N, C-alpha and C. Protein backbone atom coordinates (compact mmCIF):
# COMPACT_ATOMS: atom_id res chain seq x y z
N UNK A 1 108.64 10.59 2.92
CA UNK A 1 107.58 10.40 3.95
C UNK A 1 108.32 11.32 5.31
N UNK A 2 109.88 11.54 5.70
CA UNK A 2 110.21 11.49 6.20
C UNK A 2 110.46 11.13 7.56
N UNK A 3 110.80 12.00 8.87
CA UNK A 3 110.53 11.23 10.09
C UNK A 3 109.34 11.44 10.68
N UNK A 4 108.27 11.31 9.85
CA UNK A 4 106.45 10.62 9.99
C UNK A 4 106.28 9.94 9.52
N UNK A 5 106.29 8.80 10.60
CA UNK A 5 105.82 7.03 10.38
C UNK A 5 104.43 6.67 10.03
N UNK A 6 103.51 7.69 9.95
CA UNK A 6 102.14 7.44 10.35
C UNK A 6 101.16 8.08 9.13
N UNK A 7 100.14 7.77 9.30
CA UNK A 7 99.11 8.04 7.68
C UNK A 7 98.30 9.11 8.70
N UNK A 8 97.55 9.96 7.73
CA UNK A 8 96.37 11.00 8.15
C UNK A 8 94.93 10.14 7.99
N UNK A 9 94.54 9.60 8.89
CA UNK A 9 93.01 9.36 9.00
C UNK A 9 92.51 10.24 7.76
N UNK A 10 91.42 9.56 7.80
CA UNK A 10 90.25 9.99 6.67
C UNK A 10 89.67 11.11 7.78
N UNK A 11 88.82 10.17 8.51
CA UNK A 11 88.00 10.70 9.64
C UNK A 11 88.49 12.66 10.18
N UNK A 12 89.77 12.72 10.40
CA UNK A 12 90.87 13.62 10.82
C UNK A 12 90.57 14.93 11.01
N UNK A 13 90.42 15.80 12.21
CA UNK A 13 90.02 17.37 11.43
C UNK A 13 91.72 17.35 10.79
N UNK A 14 91.45 18.78 10.13
CA UNK A 14 92.43 18.97 9.36
C UNK A 14 92.60 20.16 9.09
N UNK A 15 93.48 20.79 9.29
CA UNK A 15 94.20 22.33 8.98
C UNK A 15 95.31 22.44 8.39
N UNK A 16 95.42 23.54 7.71
CA UNK A 16 97.00 23.87 6.93
C UNK A 16 96.86 23.08 5.36
N UNK A 17 98.02 23.43 4.44
CA UNK A 17 98.51 22.61 3.53
C UNK A 17 99.30 21.73 3.01
N UNK A 18 99.51 22.19 1.33
CA UNK A 18 100.95 21.15 1.48
C UNK A 18 102.45 21.89 1.69
N UNK A 19 102.00 23.19 1.96
CA UNK A 19 103.08 23.70 2.43
C UNK A 19 103.66 23.56 3.51
N UNK A 20 102.47 23.36 5.07
CA UNK A 20 102.59 23.09 6.05
C UNK A 20 102.99 22.24 6.36
N UNK A 21 102.09 21.12 6.12
CA UNK A 21 102.59 19.82 6.08
C UNK A 21 104.62 20.01 5.83
N UNK A 22 104.35 20.10 4.89
CA UNK A 22 106.14 19.84 3.94
C UNK A 22 106.69 20.66 5.10
N UNK A 23 106.75 21.81 5.53
CA UNK A 23 107.77 22.55 6.69
C UNK A 23 107.39 21.45 7.98
N UNK A 24 106.64 21.09 8.65
CA UNK A 24 106.42 20.52 9.77
C UNK A 24 107.38 19.34 10.02
N UNK A 25 107.05 18.83 8.89
CA UNK A 25 108.27 17.32 8.46
C UNK A 25 109.40 17.59 8.64
N UNK A 26 109.87 18.81 7.66
CA UNK A 26 111.42 19.15 7.73
C UNK A 26 111.93 20.09 8.88
N UNK A 27 111.14 20.18 10.08
CA UNK A 27 111.50 20.57 11.25
C UNK A 27 111.68 19.38 11.90
N UNK A 28 110.54 18.60 12.07
CA UNK A 28 110.40 17.39 12.72
C UNK A 28 112.07 16.72 12.29
N UNK A 29 112.49 16.98 10.88
CA UNK A 29 113.42 16.04 10.53
C UNK A 29 114.60 17.11 11.16
N UNK A 30 114.43 18.12 11.11
CA UNK A 30 116.22 18.42 11.58
C UNK A 30 116.08 18.87 13.45
N UNK A 31 114.85 18.66 13.77
CA UNK A 31 114.99 18.67 15.30
C UNK A 31 115.59 17.14 15.92
N UNK A 32 115.16 16.20 15.13
CA UNK A 32 116.10 14.36 14.74
C UNK A 32 115.33 13.81 15.77
N UNK A 33 113.90 14.56 15.48
CA UNK A 33 112.24 13.60 16.06
C UNK A 33 111.58 12.47 14.90
N UNK A 34 111.16 11.51 15.63
CA UNK A 34 109.94 10.84 14.47
C UNK A 34 108.57 10.53 15.53
N UNK A 35 107.99 11.15 14.77
CA UNK A 35 106.26 10.43 15.18
C UNK A 35 105.88 9.25 14.87
N UNK A 36 105.71 7.96 15.43
CA UNK A 36 105.26 6.61 14.85
C UNK A 36 104.35 6.26 15.64
N UNK A 37 103.82 5.10 15.36
CA UNK A 37 102.21 4.95 15.52
C UNK A 37 100.75 4.72 14.46
N UNK A 38 99.80 4.73 14.51
CA UNK A 38 99.08 4.52 13.92
C UNK A 38 98.01 5.58 14.47
N UNK A 39 97.20 6.65 14.24
CA UNK A 39 96.43 7.23 14.63
C UNK A 39 95.20 6.99 14.23
N UNK A 40 94.35 7.05 15.14
CA UNK A 40 92.50 6.41 15.23
C UNK A 40 91.89 7.17 14.03
N UNK A 41 91.07 6.86 13.33
CA UNK A 41 89.83 7.04 12.18
C UNK A 41 89.18 7.18 13.17
N UNK A 42 89.04 8.45 13.68
CA UNK A 42 87.81 8.85 14.75
C UNK A 42 87.44 10.41 14.29
N UNK A 43 86.62 10.87 14.24
CA UNK A 43 85.92 12.23 13.71
C UNK A 43 86.16 13.01 15.48
N UNK A 44 86.12 12.54 16.46
CA UNK A 44 86.04 13.39 17.90
C UNK A 44 87.39 12.45 18.94
N UNK A 45 88.13 12.50 19.17
CA UNK A 45 88.67 11.95 20.55
C UNK A 45 89.54 12.56 21.33
N UNK A 46 89.68 12.59 22.46
CA UNK A 46 90.46 13.25 23.87
C UNK A 46 91.85 12.97 23.44
N UNK A 47 93.27 13.52 23.08
CA UNK A 47 94.61 13.04 23.06
C UNK A 47 94.69 13.85 24.62
N UNK A 48 95.68 12.48 25.48
CA UNK A 48 96.12 12.63 26.35
C UNK A 48 97.86 12.67 25.87
N UNK A 49 98.48 13.81 26.11
CA UNK A 49 99.78 13.58 25.48
C UNK A 49 100.56 14.15 26.86
N UNK A 50 101.63 12.87 27.01
CA UNK A 50 102.23 12.38 28.40
C UNK A 50 103.28 11.76 28.01
N UNK A 51 104.46 11.60 29.17
CA UNK A 51 105.02 12.31 30.21
C UNK A 51 105.49 13.92 29.17
N UNK A 52 104.27 14.96 30.44
CA UNK A 52 104.71 16.84 30.14
C UNK A 52 105.99 16.73 30.70
N UNK A 53 107.48 17.44 30.80
CA UNK A 53 107.91 17.45 31.36
C UNK A 53 109.08 18.79 31.27
N UNK A 54 108.48 19.62 29.97
CA UNK A 54 109.01 20.47 29.84
C UNK A 54 108.50 21.20 28.72
N UNK A 55 109.29 22.47 28.47
CA UNK A 55 108.11 23.51 27.25
C UNK A 55 108.80 22.84 26.02
N UNK A 56 109.64 22.33 26.01
CA UNK A 56 110.19 21.35 24.17
C UNK A 56 109.14 20.72 23.66
N UNK A 57 108.76 19.76 24.61
CA UNK A 57 107.38 19.13 24.40
C UNK A 57 106.95 19.75 23.15
N UNK A 58 106.33 20.80 23.48
CA UNK A 58 105.52 21.77 22.46
C UNK A 58 106.12 22.58 21.33
N UNK A 59 107.54 22.31 21.65
CA UNK A 59 108.42 22.50 20.22
C UNK A 59 108.47 21.64 19.16
N UNK A 60 108.67 20.29 19.58
CA UNK A 60 108.50 19.31 18.81
C UNK A 60 107.14 18.78 18.22
N UNK A 61 106.15 18.71 19.58
CA UNK A 61 104.70 18.67 18.89
C UNK A 61 104.43 19.33 18.13
N UNK A 62 104.88 20.97 18.18
CA UNK A 62 104.14 21.47 17.00
C UNK A 62 104.22 21.23 14.92
N UNK A 63 105.75 20.85 15.07
CA UNK A 63 105.73 19.79 13.61
C UNK A 63 105.05 19.14 12.82
N UNK A 64 105.15 18.21 14.41
CA UNK A 64 104.31 16.85 13.97
C UNK A 64 102.96 17.07 13.37
N UNK A 65 102.08 18.14 13.94
CA UNK A 65 100.74 18.39 13.96
C UNK A 65 100.82 18.52 12.92
N UNK A 66 101.50 20.13 12.55
CA UNK A 66 101.84 20.46 11.03
C UNK A 66 102.00 19.53 10.11
N UNK A 67 102.73 18.57 10.40
CA UNK A 67 102.92 17.48 9.27
C UNK A 67 102.19 16.71 9.08
N UNK A 68 101.31 16.20 10.24
CA UNK A 68 99.84 15.71 9.46
C UNK A 68 99.10 16.41 8.56
N UNK A 69 98.87 17.85 9.39
CA UNK A 69 97.81 18.61 9.37
C UNK A 69 96.58 18.23 9.85
N UNK A 70 97.00 18.11 10.91
CA UNK A 70 95.64 17.52 12.15
C UNK A 70 95.99 18.98 12.36
N UNK A 71 94.14 19.03 12.80
CA UNK A 71 93.74 20.00 13.42
C UNK A 71 93.46 20.11 15.12
N UNK A 72 94.14 20.86 16.09
CA UNK A 72 94.22 19.69 17.41
C UNK A 72 93.62 21.25 17.62
N UNK A 73 92.84 20.82 18.86
CA UNK A 73 91.90 21.53 19.54
C UNK A 73 92.46 21.73 20.96
N UNK A 74 93.19 22.65 21.70
CA UNK A 74 93.06 23.31 23.50
C UNK A 74 92.75 24.10 23.58
N UNK A 75 92.63 23.83 25.44
CA UNK A 75 91.72 24.80 25.83
C UNK A 75 92.82 25.99 26.51
N UNK A 76 91.79 27.37 26.04
CA UNK A 76 92.37 28.25 26.61
C UNK A 76 91.70 29.29 27.57
N UNK A 77 92.66 30.40 28.29
CA UNK A 77 91.17 31.15 29.05
C UNK A 77 90.12 32.03 28.04
N UNK A 78 89.53 32.31 28.14
CA UNK A 78 88.64 32.94 27.04
C UNK A 78 88.84 34.97 27.19
N UNK A 79 90.25 34.46 28.44
CA UNK A 79 90.29 36.61 28.34
C UNK A 79 91.64 36.80 27.18
N UNK A 80 91.62 35.23 27.07
CA UNK A 80 92.85 35.67 25.31
C UNK A 80 92.14 35.92 23.65
N UNK A 81 90.79 35.59 24.24
CA UNK A 81 89.98 35.43 23.04
C UNK A 81 89.84 37.30 22.68
N UNK A 82 90.49 37.90 22.25
CA UNK A 82 89.94 39.34 22.31
C UNK A 82 90.37 40.22 20.67
N UNK A 83 89.82 41.17 20.29
CA UNK A 83 89.90 41.44 19.30
C UNK A 83 91.56 42.24 19.25
N UNK A 84 92.52 42.39 18.05
CA UNK A 84 92.13 40.87 16.97
C UNK A 84 92.25 39.55 16.91
N UNK A 85 93.13 38.90 18.20
CA UNK A 85 93.60 37.64 17.64
C UNK A 85 92.25 36.63 17.95
N UNK A 86 91.36 37.28 18.28
CA UNK A 86 90.06 35.93 19.06
C UNK A 86 90.00 35.00 17.57
N UNK A 87 89.70 35.57 16.23
CA UNK A 87 89.18 34.68 15.68
C UNK A 87 90.96 33.57 14.89
N UNK A 88 91.66 34.12 15.27
CA UNK A 88 93.13 33.18 14.80
C UNK A 88 93.37 32.21 15.97
N UNK A 89 93.08 32.29 17.33
CA UNK A 89 93.18 31.36 18.44
C UNK A 89 91.49 30.52 17.93
N UNK A 90 90.77 30.48 17.51
CA UNK A 90 90.00 29.86 17.26
C UNK A 90 90.09 29.26 15.90
N UNK A 91 90.60 29.72 15.11
CA UNK A 91 91.30 29.09 13.44
C UNK A 91 92.05 28.13 13.69
N UNK A 92 93.15 28.10 14.74
CA UNK A 92 94.29 27.17 15.12
C UNK A 92 93.48 26.16 16.37
N UNK A 93 92.12 25.98 16.71
CA UNK A 93 92.13 25.50 17.67
C UNK A 93 91.37 25.60 19.39
N UNK A 94 91.56 26.71 19.24
CA UNK A 94 91.74 27.59 20.92
C UNK A 94 90.14 27.06 21.59
N UNK A 95 89.83 26.50 22.95
CA UNK A 95 88.94 26.70 23.10
C UNK A 95 88.93 27.72 24.41
N UNK A 96 87.60 28.54 24.40
CA UNK A 96 88.26 29.60 25.18
C UNK A 96 87.04 29.00 26.59
N UNK A 97 87.40 28.64 27.76
CA UNK A 97 87.36 28.42 28.42
C UNK A 97 86.67 29.42 30.22
N UNK A 98 86.19 29.18 30.86
CA UNK A 98 85.43 29.69 31.41
C UNK A 98 85.85 28.78 33.22
N UNK A 99 86.98 29.28 33.96
CA UNK A 99 86.98 28.17 35.01
C UNK A 99 85.33 28.85 36.30
N UNK A 100 84.70 29.68 35.86
CA UNK A 100 83.76 29.80 36.90
C UNK A 100 82.12 29.47 36.68
N UNK A 101 82.14 29.03 35.32
CA UNK A 101 81.07 29.11 34.45
C UNK A 101 80.22 27.73 35.34
N UNK A 102 78.77 27.79 35.29
CA UNK A 102 78.08 26.83 35.84
C UNK A 102 79.01 25.55 35.09
N UNK A 103 78.86 24.44 35.79
CA UNK A 103 79.35 23.14 35.05
C UNK A 103 80.65 22.91 35.17
N UNK A 104 81.69 24.18 34.69
CA UNK A 104 82.95 24.07 34.54
C UNK A 104 83.50 23.51 32.87
N UNK A 105 84.95 22.94 33.36
CA UNK A 105 85.43 23.24 32.40
C UNK A 105 85.17 22.03 31.94
N UNK A 106 84.35 20.82 32.50
CA UNK A 106 84.23 19.32 31.64
C UNK A 106 83.01 19.84 30.60
N UNK A 107 82.24 20.47 31.30
CA UNK A 107 80.63 20.94 30.67
C UNK A 107 81.08 21.80 29.58
N UNK A 108 81.85 22.26 29.49
CA UNK A 108 81.97 23.51 28.63
C UNK A 108 83.02 22.57 27.22
N UNK A 109 83.74 22.00 27.80
CA UNK A 109 84.66 21.19 26.71
C UNK A 109 83.18 20.17 26.34
N UNK A 110 83.24 19.36 26.64
CA UNK A 110 81.80 18.71 26.24
C UNK A 110 80.66 19.40 24.83
N UNK A 111 80.00 20.78 25.69
CA UNK A 111 79.74 21.59 24.81
C UNK A 111 80.66 21.68 23.27
N UNK A 112 82.02 21.85 23.43
CA UNK A 112 82.21 22.07 22.47
C UNK A 112 82.34 21.12 21.41
N UNK A 113 82.35 19.60 21.79
CA UNK A 113 82.70 18.36 21.60
C UNK A 113 81.03 18.09 20.76
N UNK A 114 80.17 19.02 20.85
CA UNK A 114 78.77 18.54 20.52
C UNK A 114 78.48 19.24 19.63
N UNK A 115 78.88 21.10 19.75
CA UNK A 115 79.28 21.88 18.97
C UNK A 115 80.04 20.86 17.23
N UNK A 116 80.80 20.43 17.23
CA UNK A 116 81.91 19.99 16.58
C UNK A 116 81.96 19.10 15.42
N UNK A 117 81.73 18.90 14.44
CA UNK A 117 81.18 17.69 13.50
C UNK A 117 82.77 16.56 14.00
N UNK A 118 84.09 17.52 13.43
CA UNK A 118 85.36 16.39 14.25
C UNK A 118 85.94 17.33 14.83
N UNK A 119 86.53 16.86 15.35
CA UNK A 119 86.94 17.72 17.17
C UNK A 119 88.10 16.47 17.79
N UNK A 120 89.14 17.21 17.43
CA UNK A 120 90.45 16.11 18.91
C UNK A 120 91.40 17.69 19.26
N UNK A 121 91.00 17.02 20.88
CA UNK A 121 91.25 18.05 21.71
C UNK A 121 92.46 17.34 22.83
N UNK A 122 93.15 18.13 23.06
CA UNK A 122 94.88 18.13 23.45
C UNK A 122 95.15 18.04 24.83
N UNK A 123 95.08 17.35 25.62
CA UNK A 123 95.35 17.96 27.25
C UNK A 123 96.67 17.29 27.78
N UNK A 124 97.44 17.79 28.82
CA UNK A 124 98.40 17.05 28.89
C UNK A 124 97.92 17.12 30.61
N UNK A 125 97.48 15.66 31.08
CA UNK A 125 97.28 15.31 32.13
C UNK A 125 97.63 15.46 33.38
N UNK A 126 98.82 15.64 33.27
CA UNK A 126 100.05 16.58 34.88
C UNK A 126 99.36 17.91 34.81
N UNK A 127 99.09 18.67 33.89
CA UNK A 127 98.45 19.94 33.52
C UNK A 127 99.30 20.99 34.42
N UNK A 128 100.62 19.95 34.70
CA UNK A 128 102.32 21.33 34.88
C UNK A 128 102.96 20.36 34.18
N UNK A 129 104.33 21.59 34.54
CA UNK A 129 105.65 20.53 33.29
C UNK A 129 106.41 20.21 34.82
N UNK A 130 105.66 20.13 35.92
CA UNK A 130 106.64 19.95 37.56
C UNK A 130 106.93 18.25 37.58
N UNK A 131 107.46 17.43 38.49
CA UNK A 131 107.09 16.50 38.84
C UNK A 131 105.63 16.54 39.78
N UNK A 132 104.84 15.74 39.19
CA UNK A 132 103.28 15.70 40.46
C UNK A 132 103.37 14.03 40.46
N UNK A 133 102.61 13.39 41.54
CA UNK A 133 102.60 12.71 42.62
C UNK A 133 100.76 12.11 41.86
N UNK A 134 100.22 12.52 41.32
CA UNK A 134 98.99 12.18 41.24
C UNK A 134 98.48 12.94 39.79
N UNK A 135 97.85 12.10 38.47
CA UNK A 135 97.04 12.74 37.22
C UNK A 135 95.58 13.55 37.84
N UNK A 136 95.26 14.67 36.99
CA UNK A 136 94.91 15.55 36.82
C UNK A 136 92.99 14.97 36.79
N UNK A 137 91.97 14.30 37.03
CA UNK A 137 91.18 13.29 36.13
C UNK A 137 90.48 14.14 34.45
N UNK A 138 90.61 15.10 34.92
CA UNK A 138 89.81 16.31 34.29
C UNK A 138 89.54 16.01 32.23
N UNK A 139 90.48 15.55 32.02
CA UNK A 139 90.73 14.82 30.86
C UNK A 139 89.85 13.93 30.53
N UNK A 140 89.66 12.88 31.79
CA UNK A 140 88.73 11.57 31.52
C UNK A 140 87.54 12.08 31.70
N UNK A 141 87.11 13.06 32.65
CA UNK A 141 85.50 13.27 32.86
C UNK A 141 85.30 13.90 31.33
N UNK A 142 85.97 14.80 30.95
CA UNK A 142 85.58 15.41 29.79
C UNK A 142 85.46 14.07 28.22
N UNK A 143 85.89 13.04 28.68
CA UNK A 143 86.35 12.33 27.44
C UNK A 143 84.96 11.51 27.77
N UNK A 144 84.32 11.18 28.92
CA UNK A 144 83.57 9.81 29.63
C UNK A 144 81.88 10.88 28.96
N UNK A 145 82.25 12.27 29.61
CA UNK A 145 81.04 12.98 29.67
C UNK A 145 80.60 13.17 28.12
N UNK A 146 81.65 12.81 26.82
CA UNK A 146 81.40 13.61 25.85
C UNK A 146 80.80 11.88 24.84
N UNK A 147 81.55 11.00 25.53
CA UNK A 147 81.51 9.46 25.08
C UNK A 147 82.31 9.77 23.38
N UNK A 148 84.08 10.13 24.24
CA UNK A 148 85.22 10.03 23.03
C UNK A 148 85.81 9.35 23.08
N UNK A 149 86.84 8.57 22.48
CA UNK A 149 88.08 7.72 23.29
C UNK A 149 89.43 8.89 23.95
N UNK A 150 89.86 8.66 24.48
CA UNK A 150 91.03 8.62 24.80
C UNK A 150 91.55 8.40 24.44
N UNK A 151 93.11 8.79 23.48
CA UNK A 151 93.91 8.44 23.01
C UNK A 151 95.44 8.80 23.54
N UNK A 152 96.66 8.25 24.01
CA UNK A 152 97.55 8.54 24.49
C UNK A 152 98.94 8.58 23.60
N UNK A 153 99.15 10.19 23.31
CA UNK A 153 100.23 9.82 22.99
C UNK A 153 101.94 10.34 23.81
N UNK A 154 102.82 9.68 23.45
CA UNK A 154 103.67 9.79 24.22
C UNK A 154 104.95 10.59 23.90
N UNK A 155 105.95 11.21 24.79
CA UNK A 155 106.83 11.78 24.39
C UNK A 155 108.05 10.89 24.88
N UNK A 156 108.74 10.27 24.13
CA UNK A 156 110.09 9.51 24.85
C UNK A 156 111.34 10.34 24.27
N UNK A 157 111.98 11.19 24.91
CA UNK A 157 112.76 11.91 25.49
C UNK A 157 114.11 11.31 24.22
N UNK A 158 114.44 10.16 25.24
CA UNK A 158 115.86 9.93 24.70
C UNK A 158 116.37 8.92 23.56
N UNK A 159 114.89 8.82 22.97
CA UNK A 159 114.75 8.09 21.67
C UNK A 159 114.35 8.82 20.77
N UNK A 160 114.22 10.34 21.16
CA UNK A 160 113.16 11.13 19.95
C UNK A 160 112.06 11.10 19.16
N UNK A 161 111.08 10.08 19.96
CA UNK A 161 109.95 10.36 19.26
C UNK A 161 108.53 10.60 19.94
N UNK A 162 107.66 10.58 19.12
CA UNK A 162 106.74 10.74 19.88
C UNK A 162 105.59 9.52 19.11
N UNK A 163 105.13 8.80 20.11
CA UNK A 163 104.39 7.84 20.33
C UNK A 163 102.97 7.76 20.02
N UNK A 164 102.05 7.42 19.16
CA UNK A 164 100.53 7.54 19.14
C UNK A 164 100.45 5.79 19.90
N UNK A 165 99.59 5.77 20.69
CA UNK A 165 99.68 4.60 21.79
C UNK A 165 98.04 3.87 21.83
N UNK A 166 98.19 4.36 23.44
CA UNK A 166 96.48 3.38 23.76
C UNK A 166 95.41 4.25 23.32
N UNK A 167 94.46 3.58 22.99
CA UNK A 167 92.91 4.09 22.82
C UNK A 167 91.83 3.31 23.72
N UNK A 168 91.49 4.10 24.61
CA UNK A 168 90.67 3.57 25.77
C UNK A 168 89.36 4.37 25.95
N UNK A 169 88.10 3.80 26.23
CA UNK A 169 86.94 4.38 26.52
C UNK A 169 87.54 4.97 27.87
N UNK A 170 87.01 5.85 28.78
CA UNK A 170 86.76 6.25 29.94
C UNK A 170 85.89 5.24 30.50
N UNK A 171 85.53 4.16 31.81
CA UNK A 171 84.25 3.75 32.34
C UNK A 171 83.83 4.67 33.39
N UNK A 172 83.97 5.65 33.39
CA UNK A 172 83.84 6.57 34.84
C UNK A 172 84.45 6.25 36.49
N UNK A 173 85.63 5.66 35.97
CA UNK A 173 86.37 5.20 37.74
C UNK A 173 87.67 6.35 37.52
N UNK A 174 87.36 7.64 37.13
CA UNK A 174 88.29 8.45 36.83
C UNK A 174 89.58 8.64 37.72
N UNK A 175 89.39 7.82 39.11
CA UNK A 175 90.78 8.76 40.24
C UNK A 175 91.60 7.41 39.67
N UNK A 176 91.00 5.98 39.20
CA UNK A 176 91.79 5.02 39.29
C UNK A 176 92.42 4.93 38.08
N UNK A 177 91.33 5.17 36.85
CA UNK A 177 92.02 5.15 35.81
C UNK A 177 93.30 6.06 35.56
N UNK A 178 93.48 7.24 36.06
CA UNK A 178 94.51 7.92 36.19
C UNK A 178 95.65 7.85 36.65
N UNK A 179 95.52 6.92 38.26
CA UNK A 179 96.56 6.49 38.46
C UNK A 179 97.19 4.95 37.58
N UNK A 180 96.26 4.75 37.10
CA UNK A 180 96.60 3.19 36.13
C UNK A 180 97.65 4.13 34.82
N UNK A 181 96.46 5.13 34.47
CA UNK A 181 97.32 5.75 32.95
C UNK A 181 98.76 6.07 33.31
N UNK A 182 99.05 6.89 34.49
CA UNK A 182 99.97 7.61 34.62
C UNK A 182 101.49 6.53 34.85
N UNK A 183 100.97 5.39 35.64
CA UNK A 183 101.66 4.14 35.74
C UNK A 183 102.14 3.54 34.35
N UNK A 184 100.94 3.87 33.65
CA UNK A 184 101.54 2.99 32.54
C UNK A 184 102.29 3.99 31.57
N UNK A 185 102.00 5.21 31.66
CA UNK A 185 103.16 6.00 31.04
C UNK A 185 104.40 6.39 31.33
N UNK A 186 104.59 5.73 32.67
CA UNK A 186 105.90 6.40 33.36
C UNK A 186 106.76 5.20 33.33
N UNK A 187 105.77 4.13 33.10
CA UNK A 187 107.01 2.94 32.99
C UNK A 187 107.00 2.99 31.59
N UNK A 188 106.70 3.15 30.26
CA UNK A 188 106.93 3.11 29.08
C UNK A 188 107.50 4.15 28.44
N UNK A 189 107.38 5.60 28.51
CA UNK A 189 108.25 6.71 28.44
C UNK A 189 108.81 7.32 29.29
N UNK A 190 109.95 7.97 29.21
CA UNK A 190 110.79 8.87 29.93
C UNK A 190 110.93 10.25 29.11
N UNK A 191 110.36 10.79 29.73
CA UNK A 191 110.17 12.82 28.81
C UNK A 191 111.55 13.12 29.07
N UNK A 192 111.24 14.71 27.94
CA UNK A 192 112.36 15.07 27.31
C UNK A 192 112.92 15.87 29.06
N UNK A 193 112.17 15.72 29.88
CA UNK A 193 113.08 16.24 31.50
C UNK A 193 112.64 15.45 32.75
N UNK A 194 112.95 14.23 32.24
CA UNK A 194 113.51 13.24 33.30
C UNK A 194 113.16 13.13 34.60
N UNK A 195 113.82 14.56 35.27
CA UNK A 195 114.05 14.94 36.49
C UNK A 195 112.46 15.28 37.01
N UNK A 196 111.69 15.53 35.95
CA UNK A 196 110.10 16.67 36.03
C UNK A 196 109.26 14.82 35.98
N UNK A 197 109.23 13.97 36.18
CA UNK A 197 108.70 12.69 35.47
C UNK A 197 108.16 11.94 36.74
């Protein structure tokens, strides 16, 4: 199985084939990273990826995603969805968003969850690679509105591990939950670029 020490659950949304899974595992092995923990057997989840401190987070996460064969959806500005790339973005999991629309991003992503039988959406709670004193609460608001669990996936830079960590449901105390989760992640994980954490 290589450096991925977890199995793909039955209810997970899937993307790719045997070759792309092999390629992802091979690249992760070449990078020296491992994926650890147990993915939830859920059709719909909000994935909180943290700490997000470097562009390398994406570089090491992509082989792990490919290696599992999981389809991870992500937010993109609607302007990026133009011909001829619009179909490719959607196939890869891109969710077109319009910040000026009524109800904002929360309602748009909640509608996306409602329209899909299986959907895992990934967000970086910091909203930036720079050091922040507080996390944004949008991911919690979306999860609460959609009644889907939040799953924390942590980047352990020094250990070169991507760790599938805790799963919980937001109870609607968004600010407090974001502060508590940020403290939890910062205590447990050190990002790829610690000075930005």
